[in-house]
C-alpha atoms as a PDB file:
ATOM      1  CA  UNK A   1      -7.120 -35.338  12.487  1.00  0.00           C
ATOM      2  CA  UNK A   2      -4.823 -33.200  10.269  1.00  0.00           C
ATOM      3  CA  UNK A   3      -3.070 -30.397  12.546  1.00  0.00           C
ATOM      4  CA  UNK A   4      -2.504 -27.000  10.942  1.00  0.00           C
ATOM      5  CA  UNK A   5       1.070 -25.886  10.672  1.00  0.00           C
ATOM      6  CA  UNK A   6       2.100 -22.601  12.177  1.00  0.00           C
ATOM      7  CA  UNK A   7       3.247 -19.677   9.575  1.00  0.00           C
ATOM      8  CA  UNK A   8       6.004 -17.556  10.522  1.00  0.00           C
ATOM      9  CA  UNK A   9       6.550 -14.644   8.301  1.00  0.00           C
ATOM     10  CA  UNK A  10      10.436 -12.781   8.105  1.00  0.00           C
ATOM     11  CA  UNK A  11      10.509  -9.659   5.532  1.00  0.00           C
ATOM     12  CA  UNK A  12      13.915  -9.518   6.657  1.00  0.00           C
ATOM     13  CA  UNK A  13      15.643 -13.019   5.141  1.00  0.00           C
ATOM     14  CA  UNK A  14      19.371 -12.174   3.270  1.00  0.00           C
ATOM     15  CA  UNK A  15      19.673 -13.338  -0.528  1.00  0.00           C
ATOM     16  CA  UNK A  16      22.216 -15.767   0.281  1.00  0.00           C
ATOM     17  CA  UNK A  17      20.887 -17.603   2.972  1.00  0.00           C
ATOM     18  CA  UNK A  18      17.652 -18.377   1.176  1.00  0.00           C
ATOM     19  CA  UNK A  19      19.526 -22.037  -0.400  1.00  0.00           C
ATOM     20  CA  UNK A  20      21.010 -22.893   2.390  1.00  0.00           C
ATOM     21  CA  UNK A  21      17.497 -22.787   3.747  1.00  0.00           C
ATOM     22  CA  UNK A  22      16.178 -24.484   1.197  1.00  0.00           C
ATOM     23  CA  UNK A  23      18.366 -27.411  -0.023  1.00  0.00           C
ATOM     24  CA  UNK A  24      21.168 -27.387   2.883  1.00  0.00           C
ATOM     25  CA  UNK A  25      23.507 -25.699  -0.364  1.00  0.00           C
ATOM     26  CA  UNK A  26      26.376 -23.927   1.461  1.00  0.00           C
ATOM     27  CA  UNK A  27      28.273 -23.499  -1.864  1.00  0.00           C
ATOM     28  CA  UNK A  28      29.948 -20.011  -1.569  1.00  0.00           C
ATOM     29  CA  UNK A  29      29.650 -19.919   2.205  1.00  0.00           C
ATOM     30  CA  UNK A  30      31.609 -19.008   4.396  1.00  0.00           C
ATOM     31  CA  UNK A  31      31.523 -20.342   8.034  1.00  0.00           C
ATOM     32  CA  UNK A  32      30.458 -17.756  10.070  1.00  0.00           C
ATOM     33  CA  UNK A  33      27.488 -17.412   8.075  1.00  0.00           C
ATOM     34  CA  UNK A  34      27.109 -20.692   7.685  1.00  0.00           C
ATOM     35  CA  UNK A  35      27.178 -20.958  11.648  1.00  0.00           C
ATOM     36  CA  UNK A  36      24.770 -17.427  11.614  1.00  0.00           C
ATOM     37  CA  UNK A  37      21.743 -20.042   9.098  1.00  0.00           C
ATOM     38  CA  UNK A  38      22.134 -22.995  11.409  1.00  0.00           C
ATOM     39  CA  UNK A  39      21.772 -20.725  14.587  1.00  0.00           C
ATOM     40  CA  UNK A  40      18.823 -18.861  13.133  1.00  0.00           C
ATOM     41  CA  UNK A  41      17.116 -22.518  12.159  1.00  0.00           C
ATOM     42  CA  UNK A  42      17.727 -23.920  15.614  1.00  0.00           C
ATOM     43  CA  UNK A  43      16.349 -20.928  17.762  1.00  0.00           C
ATOM     44  CA  UNK A  44      13.571 -20.629  15.827  1.00  0.00           C
ATOM     45  CA  UNK A  45      12.960 -23.814  14.064  1.00  0.00           C
ATOM     46  CA  UNK A  46      13.743 -27.061  16.159  1.00  0.00           C
ATOM     47  CA  UNK A  47      11.760 -29.191  15.271  1.00  0.00           C
ATOM     48  CA  UNK A  48      12.084 -28.110  11.672  1.00  0.00           C
ATOM     49  CA  UNK A  49      10.036 -26.574   8.833  1.00  0.00           C
ATOM     50  CA  UNK A  50       9.288 -25.884   5.428  1.00  0.00           C
ATOM     51  CA  UNK A  51       9.326 -22.678   3.297  1.00  0.00           C
ATOM     52  CA  UNK A  52       8.052 -20.790   0.590  1.00  0.00           C
ATOM     53  CA  UNK A  53       9.944 -17.819  -0.560  1.00  0.00           C
ATOM     54  CA  UNK A  54       7.837 -14.617  -2.091  1.00  0.00           C
ATOM     55  CA  UNK A  55      10.145 -13.567  -4.938  1.00  0.00           C
ATOM     56  CA  UNK A  56       8.617 -10.442  -6.181  1.00  0.00           C
ATOM     57  CA  UNK A  57       8.561  -9.182  -2.262  1.00  0.00           C
ATOM     58  CA  UNK A  58      12.224  -8.051  -1.456  1.00  0.00           C
ATOM     59  CA  UNK A  59      14.001  -4.694  -0.604  1.00  0.00           C
ATOM     60  CA  UNK A  60      17.126  -4.503  -2.845  1.00  0.00           C
ATOM     61  CA  UNK A  61      18.763  -2.674   0.306  1.00  0.00           C
ATOM     62  CA  UNK A  62      17.941  -3.877   3.802  1.00  0.00           C
ATOM     63  CA  UNK A  63      19.959  -2.394   6.197  1.00  0.00           C
ATOM     64  CA  UNK A  64      18.412  -5.109   9.301  1.00  0.00           C
ATOM     65  CA  UNK A  65      17.942  -8.224   8.070  1.00  0.00           C
ATOM     66  CA  UNK A  66      17.453 -11.092  10.355  1.00  0.00           C
ATOM     67  CA  UNK A  67      21.238 -11.810  10.462  1.00  0.00           C
ATOM     68  CA  UNK A  68      24.420 -10.725   8.475  1.00  0.00           C
ATOM     69  CA  UNK A  69      25.746  -7.565   7.023  1.00  0.00           C
ATOM     70  CA  UNK A  70      23.356  -5.499   4.999  1.00  0.00           C
ATOM     71  CA  UNK A  71      21.917  -6.651   1.968  1.00  0.00           C
ATOM     72  CA  UNK A  72      19.236  -7.248  -0.345  1.00  0.00           C
ATOM     73  CA  UNK A  73      16.504  -9.579   1.020  1.00  0.00           C
ATOM     74  CA  UNK A  74      13.403 -11.264   0.961  1.00  0.00           C
ATOM     75  CA  UNK A  75       9.979 -12.134   2.164  1.00  0.00           C
ATOM     76  CA  UNK A  76      10.079 -15.600   3.159  1.00  0.00           C
ATOM     77  CA  UNK A  77       6.903 -17.383   5.306  1.00  0.00           C
ATOM     78  CA  UNK A  78       8.303 -20.695   7.129  1.00  0.00           C
ATOM     79  CA  UNK A  79       5.956 -23.462   8.083  1.00  0.00           C
ATOM     80  CA  UNK A  80       6.091 -25.339  11.204  1.00  0.00           C
ATOM     81  CA  UNK A  81       4.303 -28.127  13.602  1.00  0.00           C
END
């Protein structure tokens, strides 16, 4: 019997964070940004996740992103056990 994954949606994931969240690529990120991302994933997805970015669902300027300063954000669905 397979277990269904739980879907958690966030409409305000900063554009600059997506490649780190998907691939672990921290190139171009500051130490503070990496720390924010690690904190976000540790709190929200302690046992891991997969994700799907809705590239056509974004805000050019979001004054309240999930973390960090105001910036362009995307709707991202995270799937967890």
